[in-house]
């Protein structure tokens, strides 16, 4: 009998995290990849304009380097190029992990543990890298900045907003990584014990 998610607090947390992250990824992070027909088709175009407007307002408040690079607003193509790769990682790795992970968590199947371990490892590394970018970004309050540095500068409010947003995207993958390592370790230990018991049984039958 599969326990409901409500009786598995950690799994419920992972499920909610995946759901929220999936919505954010599809409707905001991957907005630059939307094909042209979505931007012009009635109904879809209205939704696109709303999402684009929200993204523009957010970018104006935070000067988020991820938004700058994914929308091609950087001064030079190679600046923050790793963040553009993170966007493609969302498409190829994270979104499939969200969907498969939610299905597996709802079924309480251990088969998804290796996937969640791999996802949490990648997610923590990419998020901590982005957090580092936010930390080292120049401050807009610094009057000695050159023109290029001013372009990438962040206000104190924008920096605090970004770092606050990043907290759950750091904490949940970190907990997931430790949790999945422990779960997989228990399964490996249990499997090794069962295999050893099986071998002893076969050896005993041969001796008889």
C-alpha atoms as a PDB file:
ATOM      1  CA  UNK A   1       0.000   0.000   0.000  1.00  0.00           C
ATOM      2  CA  UNK A   2       1.371   3.386  -1.038  1.00  0.00           C
ATOM      3  CA  UNK A   3       1.347   5.988   1.705  1.00  0.00           C
ATOM      4  CA  UNK A   4      -0.277   9.272   0.607  1.00  0.00           C
ATOM      5  CA  UNK A   5       2.026  12.242   0.205  1.00  0.00           C
ATOM      6  CA  UNK A   6       0.420  13.880   3.239  1.00  0.00           C
ATOM      7  CA  UNK A   7       2.022  11.156   5.378  1.00  0.00           C
ATOM      8  CA  UNK A   8       5.460  11.678   3.811  1.00  0.00           C
ATOM      9  CA  UNK A   9       6.480  15.263   4.733  1.00  0.00           C
ATOM     10  CA  UNK A  10       9.801  15.294   2.852  1.00  0.00           C
ATOM     11  CA  UNK A  11       8.290  13.795  -0.302  1.00  0.00           C
ATOM     12  CA  UNK A  12       5.426  16.279  -0.098  1.00  0.00           C
ATOM     13  CA  UNK A  13       7.975  19.105   0.165  1.00  0.00           C
ATOM     14  CA  UNK A  14       9.846  17.800  -2.885  1.00  0.00           C
ATOM     15  CA  UNK A  15       6.585  17.454  -4.833  1.00  0.00           C
ATOM     16  CA  UNK A  16       5.514  21.030  -4.032  1.00  0.00           C
ATOM     17  CA  UNK A  17       9.001  22.312  -4.850  1.00  0.00           C
ATOM     18  CA  UNK A  18       8.979  20.560  -8.236  1.00  0.00           C
ATOM     19  CA  UNK A  19       5.516  21.905  -9.032  1.00  0.00           C
ATOM     20  CA  UNK A  20       6.426  25.503  -8.177  1.00  0.00           C
ATOM     21  CA  UNK A  21       9.763  25.269  -9.985  1.00  0.00           C
ATOM     22  CA  UNK A  22       8.072  23.772 -13.070  1.00  0.00           C
ATOM     23  CA  UNK A  23       5.617  26.686 -13.232  1.00  0.00           C
ATOM     24  CA  UNK A  24       8.429  29.243 -12.801  1.00  0.00           C
ATOM     25  CA  UNK A  25      10.564  27.556 -15.446  1.00  0.00           C
ATOM     26  CA  UNK A  26       7.840  27.226 -18.087  1.00  0.00           C
ATOM     27  CA  UNK A  27       6.253  30.657 -17.640  1.00  0.00           C
ATOM     28  CA  UNK A  28       9.270  32.804 -16.819  1.00  0.00           C
ATOM     29  CA  UNK A  29      12.736  31.257 -17.208  1.00  0.00           C
ATOM     30  CA  UNK A  30      12.005  29.766 -20.643  1.00  0.00           C
ATOM     31  CA  UNK A  31       9.960  32.691 -21.950  1.00  0.00           C
ATOM     32  CA  UNK A  32      12.787  33.726 -24.358  1.00  0.00           C
ATOM     33  CA  UNK A  33      12.409  30.335 -26.101  1.00  0.00           C
ATOM     34  CA  UNK A  34       8.708  30.729 -26.893  1.00  0.00           C
ATOM     35  CA  UNK A  35       8.171  30.375 -30.664  1.00  0.00           C
ATOM     36  CA  UNK A  36       6.917  33.325 -32.697  1.00  0.00           C
ATOM     37  CA  UNK A  37       3.444  31.877 -33.302  1.00  0.00           C
ATOM     38  CA  UNK A  38       2.683  31.921 -29.554  1.00  0.00           C
ATOM     39  CA  UNK A  39       3.535  35.610 -29.468  1.00  0.00           C
ATOM     40  CA  UNK A  40       1.038  36.365 -32.255  1.00  0.00           C
ATOM     41  CA  UNK A  41      -1.779  33.821 -31.766  1.00  0.00           C
ATOM     42  CA  UNK A  42      -4.878  35.371 -30.137  1.00  0.00           C
ATOM     43  CA  UNK A  43      -5.199  34.241 -26.536  1.00  0.00           C
ATOM     44  CA  UNK A  44      -1.612  33.031 -26.321  1.00  0.00           C
ATOM     45  CA  UNK A  45      -0.331  36.473 -27.273  1.00  0.00           C
ATOM     46  CA  UNK A  46      -2.220  38.053 -24.366  1.00  0.00           C
ATOM     47  CA  UNK A  47      -0.668  35.576 -21.936  1.00  0.00           C
ATOM     48  CA  UNK A  48       2.756  36.160 -23.468  1.00  0.00           C
ATOM     49  CA  UNK A  49       2.466  39.938 -23.061  1.00  0.00           C
ATOM     50  CA  UNK A  50       1.427  39.531 -19.414  1.00  0.00           C
ATOM     51  CA  UNK A  51       4.363  37.234 -18.688  1.00  0.00           C
ATOM     52  CA  UNK A  52       6.791  39.448 -20.596  1.00  0.00           C
ATOM     53  CA  UNK A  53       5.528  42.508 -18.721  1.00  0.00           C
ATOM     54  CA  UNK A  54       6.016  40.768 -15.374  1.00  0.00           C
ATOM     55  CA  UNK A  55       9.516  39.695 -16.430  1.00  0.00           C
ATOM     56  CA  UNK A  56      10.393  43.250 -17.503  1.00  0.00           C
ATOM     57  CA  UNK A  57       9.178  44.673 -14.183  1.00  0.00           C
ATOM     58  CA  UNK A  58      11.166  42.064 -12.273  1.00  0.00           C
ATOM     59  CA  UNK A  59      14.300  42.754 -14.342  1.00  0.00           C
ATOM     60  CA  UNK A  60      13.949  46.499 -13.788  1.00  0.00           C
ATOM     61  CA  UNK A  61      13.760  45.951 -10.027  1.00  0.00           C
ATOM     62  CA  UNK A  62      16.585  43.397  -9.678  1.00  0.00           C
ATOM     63  CA  UNK A  63      18.770  43.652 -12.823  1.00  0.00           C
ATOM     64  CA  UNK A  64      18.860  39.838 -12.656  1.00  0.00           C
ATOM     65  CA  UNK A  65      21.845  38.665 -14.774  1.00  0.00           C
ATOM     66  CA  UNK A  66      19.937  35.501 -15.750  1.00  0.00           C
ATOM     67  CA  UNK A  67      17.222  37.623 -17.373  1.00  0.00           C
ATOM     68  CA  UNK A  68      19.812  39.863 -19.043  1.00  0.00           C
ATOM     69  CA  UNK A  69      21.692  36.995 -20.670  1.00  0.00           C
ATOM     70  CA  UNK A  70      18.698  34.838 -21.662  1.00  0.00           C
ATOM     71  CA  UNK A  71      17.038  37.816 -23.345  1.00  0.00           C
ATOM     72  CA  UNK A  72      20.288  38.788 -25.102  1.00  0.00           C
ATOM     73  CA  UNK A  73      20.646  42.075 -23.234  1.00  0.00           C
ATOM     74  CA  UNK A  74      24.294  41.641 -22.259  1.00  0.00           C
ATOM     75  CA  UNK A  75      26.908  43.994 -23.652  1.00  0.00           C
ATOM     76  CA  UNK A  76      29.078  41.138 -24.958  1.00  0.00           C
ATOM     77  CA  UNK A  77      27.807  37.638 -25.949  1.00  0.00           C
ATOM     78  CA  UNK A  78      30.265  35.766 -23.733  1.00  0.00           C
ATOM     79  CA  UNK A  79      29.303  37.576 -20.531  1.00  0.00           C
ATOM     80  CA  UNK A  80      27.370  35.296 -18.160  1.00  0.00           C
ATOM     81  CA  UNK A  81      27.405  32.618 -20.882  1.00  0.00           C
ATOM     82  CA  UNK A  82      27.161  29.941 -18.178  1.00  0.00           C
ATOM     83  CA  UNK A  83      23.721  31.277 -17.206  1.00  0.00           C
ATOM     84  CA  UNK A  84      22.466  30.694 -20.743  1.00  0.00           C
ATOM     85  CA  UNK A  85      23.669  27.099 -20.456  1.00  0.00           C
ATOM     86  CA  UNK A  86      21.717  26.846 -17.193  1.00  0.00           C
ATOM     87  CA  UNK A  87      18.574  27.765 -19.138  1.00  0.00           C
ATOM     88  CA  UNK A  88      19.169  24.846 -21.523  1.00  0.00           C
ATOM     89  CA  UNK A  89      19.827  22.596 -18.540  1.00  0.00           C
ATOM     90  CA  UNK A  90      16.354  23.506 -17.323  1.00  0.00           C
ATOM     91  CA  UNK A  91      14.930  22.346 -20.640  1.00  0.00           C
ATOM     92  CA  UNK A  92      16.940  19.124 -20.966  1.00  0.00           C
ATOM     93  CA  UNK A  93      17.459  18.032 -17.349  1.00  0.00           C
ATOM     94  CA  UNK A  94      15.376  19.888 -14.805  1.00  0.00           C
ATOM     95  CA  UNK A  95      11.915  19.942 -16.402  1.00  0.00           C
ATOM     96  CA  UNK A  96      12.003  16.184 -17.182  1.00  0.00           C
ATOM     97  CA  UNK A  97      13.208  15.625 -13.601  1.00  0.00           C
ATOM     98  CA  UNK A  98      10.288  17.679 -12.232  1.00  0.00           C
ATOM     99  CA  UNK A  99       7.713  15.674 -14.170  1.00  0.00           C
ATOM    100  CA  UNK A 100       9.226  12.229 -13.572  1.00  0.00           C
ATOM    101  CA  UNK A 101       9.961  13.164  -9.973  1.00  0.00           C
ATOM    102  CA  UNK A 102       6.365  14.201  -9.220  1.00  0.00           C
ATOM    103  CA  UNK A 103       5.034  10.999 -10.777  1.00  0.00           C
ATOM    104  CA  UNK A 104       7.506   8.855  -8.852  1.00  0.00           C
ATOM    105  CA  UNK A 105       6.915  10.679  -5.575  1.00  0.00           C
ATOM    106  CA  UNK A 106       3.161  10.261  -5.883  1.00  0.00           C
ATOM    107  CA  UNK A 107       3.701   6.501  -6.393  1.00  0.00           C
ATOM    108  CA  UNK A 108       6.361   6.331  -3.641  1.00  0.00           C
ATOM    109  CA  UNK A 109       8.701   4.374  -5.893  1.00  0.00           C
ATOM    110  CA  UNK A 110      12.406   4.066  -4.955  1.00  0.00           C
ATOM    111  CA  UNK A 111      13.241   3.873  -8.669  1.00  0.00           C
ATOM    112  CA  UNK A 112      13.379   7.677  -8.819  1.00  0.00           C
ATOM    113  CA  UNK A 113      15.959   8.050  -6.041  1.00  0.00           C
ATOM    114  CA  UNK A 114      18.968   8.054  -8.402  1.00  0.00           C
ATOM    115  CA  UNK A 115      17.255  10.660 -10.602  1.00  0.00           C
ATOM    116  CA  UNK A 116      16.508  12.896  -7.619  1.00  0.00           C
ATOM    117  CA  UNK A 117      20.090  12.525  -6.416  1.00  0.00           C
ATOM    118  CA  UNK A 118      21.405  13.565  -9.838  1.00  0.00           C
ATOM    119  CA  UNK A 119      18.920  16.454 -10.062  1.00  0.00           C
ATOM    120  CA  UNK A 120      19.703  17.778  -6.585  1.00  0.00           C
ATOM    121  CA  UNK A 121      23.442  17.685  -7.310  1.00  0.00           C
ATOM    122  CA  UNK A 122      23.035  19.674 -10.537  1.00  0.00           C
ATOM    123  CA  UNK A 123      20.466  22.061  -9.042  1.00  0.00           C
ATOM    124  CA  UNK A 124      22.613  22.912  -6.030  1.00  0.00           C
ATOM    125  CA  UNK A 125      25.696  23.594  -8.171  1.00  0.00           C
ATOM    126  CA  UNK A 126      23.839  25.812 -10.654  1.00  0.00           C
ATOM    127  CA  UNK A 127      22.033  27.748  -7.910  1.00  0.00           C
ATOM    128  CA  UNK A 128      25.153  28.339  -5.819  1.00  0.00           C
ATOM    129  CA  UNK A 129      26.944  29.515  -8.972  1.00  0.00           C
ATOM    130  CA  UNK A 130      24.175  31.996  -9.696  1.00  0.00           C
ATOM    131  CA  UNK A 131      24.160  33.132  -6.052  1.00  0.00           C
ATOM    132  CA  UNK A 132      27.884  33.839  -6.404  1.00  0.00           C
ATOM    133  CA  UNK A 133      27.155  35.993  -9.476  1.00  0.00           C
ATOM    134  CA  UNK A 134      24.637  37.974  -7.428  1.00  0.00           C
ATOM    135  CA  UNK A 135      27.061  38.403  -4.514  1.00  0.00           C
ATOM    136  CA  UNK A 136      29.901  39.762  -6.633  1.00  0.00           C
ATOM    137  CA  UNK A 137      27.801  42.031  -8.856  1.00  0.00           C
ATOM    138  CA  UNK A 138      28.752  45.707  -8.429  1.00  0.00           C
ATOM    139  CA  UNK A 139      26.562  47.962  -6.352  1.00  0.00           C
ATOM    140  CA  UNK A 140      24.560  50.679  -8.066  1.00  0.00           C
ATOM    141  CA  UNK A 141      25.367  52.917  -5.086  1.00  0.00           C
ATOM    142  CA  UNK A 142      29.057  52.942  -6.080  1.00  0.00           C
ATOM    143  CA  UNK A 143      29.635  56.239  -7.918  1.00  0.00           C
ATOM    144  CA  UNK A 144      33.085  55.193  -9.147  1.00  0.00           C
ATOM    145  CA  UNK A 145      31.810  52.467 -11.510  1.00  0.00           C
ATOM    146  CA  UNK A 146      32.602  52.588 -15.200  1.00  0.00           C
ATOM    147  CA  UNK A 147      29.793  52.448 -17.779  1.00  0.00           C
ATOM    148  CA  UNK A 148      29.909  48.649 -18.209  1.00  0.00           C
ATOM    149  CA  UNK A 149      29.926  47.990 -14.473  1.00  0.00           C
ATOM    150  CA  UNK A 150      26.951  50.333 -14.035  1.00  0.00           C
ATOM    151  CA  UNK A 151      25.074  48.294 -16.643  1.00  0.00           C
ATOM    152  CA  UNK A 152      25.377  45.157 -14.482  1.00  0.00           C
ATOM    153  CA  UNK A 153      25.142  46.884 -11.098  1.00  0.00           C
ATOM    154  CA  UNK A 154      22.443  45.894  -8.605  1.00  0.00           C
ATOM    155  CA  UNK A 155      20.680  47.965  -5.997  1.00  0.00           C
ATOM    156  CA  UNK A 156      20.647  46.706  -2.411  1.00  0.00           C
ATOM    157  CA  UNK A 157      16.932  45.974  -2.736  1.00  0.00           C
ATOM    158  CA  UNK A 158      17.443  44.041  -5.957  1.00  0.00           C
ATOM    159  CA  UNK A 159      20.294  42.001  -4.494  1.00  0.00           C
ATOM    160  CA  UNK A 160      18.333  41.160  -1.330  1.00  0.00           C
ATOM    161  CA  UNK A 161      15.297  40.200  -3.414  1.00  0.00           C
ATOM    162  CA  UNK A 162      17.314  37.836  -5.586  1.00  0.00           C
ATOM    163  CA  UNK A 163      19.097  36.215  -2.659  1.00  0.00           C
ATOM    164  CA  UNK A 164      15.796  35.746  -0.809  1.00  0.00           C
ATOM    165  CA  UNK A 165      14.297  34.053  -3.878  1.00  0.00           C
ATOM    166  CA  UNK A 166      17.303  31.723  -4.079  1.00  0.00           C
ATOM    167  CA  UNK A 167      17.022  30.424  -0.501  1.00  0.00           C
ATOM    168  CA  UNK A 168      14.477  27.616  -1.175  1.00  0.00           C
ATOM    169  CA  UNK A 169      16.300  26.723  -4.402  1.00  0.00           C
ATOM    170  CA  UNK A 170      19.422  26.130  -2.315  1.00  0.00           C
ATOM    171  CA  UNK A 171      17.912  24.577   0.796  1.00  0.00           C
ATOM    172  CA  UNK A 172      15.539  22.047  -0.810  1.00  0.00           C
ATOM    173  CA  UNK A 173      18.110  20.528  -3.239  1.00  0.00           C
ATOM    174  CA  UNK A 174      20.657  20.349  -0.387  1.00  0.00           C
ATOM    175  CA  UNK A 175      18.195  18.456   1.831  1.00  0.00           C
ATOM    176  CA  UNK A 176      17.161  16.286  -1.122  1.00  0.00           C
ATOM    177  CA  UNK A 177      20.791  15.380  -1.853  1.00  0.00           C
ATOM    178  CA  UNK A 178      21.445  14.230   1.716  1.00  0.00           C
ATOM    179  CA  UNK A 179      18.093  12.435   1.906  1.00  0.00           C
ATOM    180  CA  UNK A 180      18.566  10.585  -1.393  1.00  0.00           C
ATOM    181  CA  UNK A 181      22.107   9.564  -0.458  1.00  0.00           C
ATOM    182  CA  UNK A 182      20.759   8.052   2.749  1.00  0.00           C
ATOM    183  CA  UNK A 183      17.837   6.321   1.035  1.00  0.00           C
ATOM    184  CA  UNK A 184      20.029   4.862  -1.704  1.00  0.00           C
ATOM    185  CA  UNK A 185      22.602   3.822   0.898  1.00  0.00           C
ATOM    186  CA  UNK A 186      19.934   1.924   2.848  1.00  0.00           C
ATOM    187  CA  UNK A 187      18.718   0.216  -0.332  1.00  0.00           C
ATOM    188  CA  UNK A 188      22.265  -0.794  -1.295  1.00  0.00           C
ATOM    189  CA  UNK A 189      22.923  -2.128   2.200  1.00  0.00           C
ATOM    190  CA  UNK A 190      19.636  -4.056   2.201  1.00  0.00           C
ATOM    191  CA  UNK A 191      20.343  -5.444  -1.264  1.00  0.00           C
ATOM    192  CA  UNK A 192      23.869  -6.503  -0.328  1.00  0.00           C
ATOM    193  CA  UNK A 193      22.547  -8.217   2.797  1.00  0.00           C
ATOM    194  CA  UNK A 194      19.875 -10.048   0.795  1.00  0.00           C
ATOM    195  CA  UNK A 195      22.441 -11.095  -1.801  1.00  0.00           C
ATOM    196  CA  UNK A 196      24.783 -12.405   0.910  1.00  0.00           C
ATOM    197  CA  UNK A 197      21.924 -14.360   2.508  1.00  0.00           C
ATOM    198  CA  UNK A 198      21.015 -15.816  -0.880  1.00  0.00           C
ATOM    199  CA  UNK A 199      24.597 -16.897  -1.549  1.00  0.00           C
ATOM    200  CA  UNK A 200      24.849 -18.528   1.880  1.00  0.00           C
ATOM    201  CA  UNK A 201      21.606 -20.400   1.237  1.00  0.00           C
ATOM    202  CA  UNK A 202      22.806 -21.643  -2.161  1.00  0.00           C
ATOM    203  CA  UNK A 203      26.145 -22.713  -0.663  1.00  0.00           C
ATOM    204  CA  UNK A 204      24.331 -24.590   2.096  1.00  0.00           C
ATOM    205  CA  UNK A 205      22.116 -26.417  -0.395  1.00  0.00           C
ATOM    206  CA  UNK A 206      25.172 -27.448  -2.467  1.00  0.00           C
ATOM    207  CA  UNK A 207      26.928 -28.818   0.619  1.00  0.00           C
ATOM    208  CA  UNK A 208      23.859 -30.911   1.442  1.00  0.00           C
END
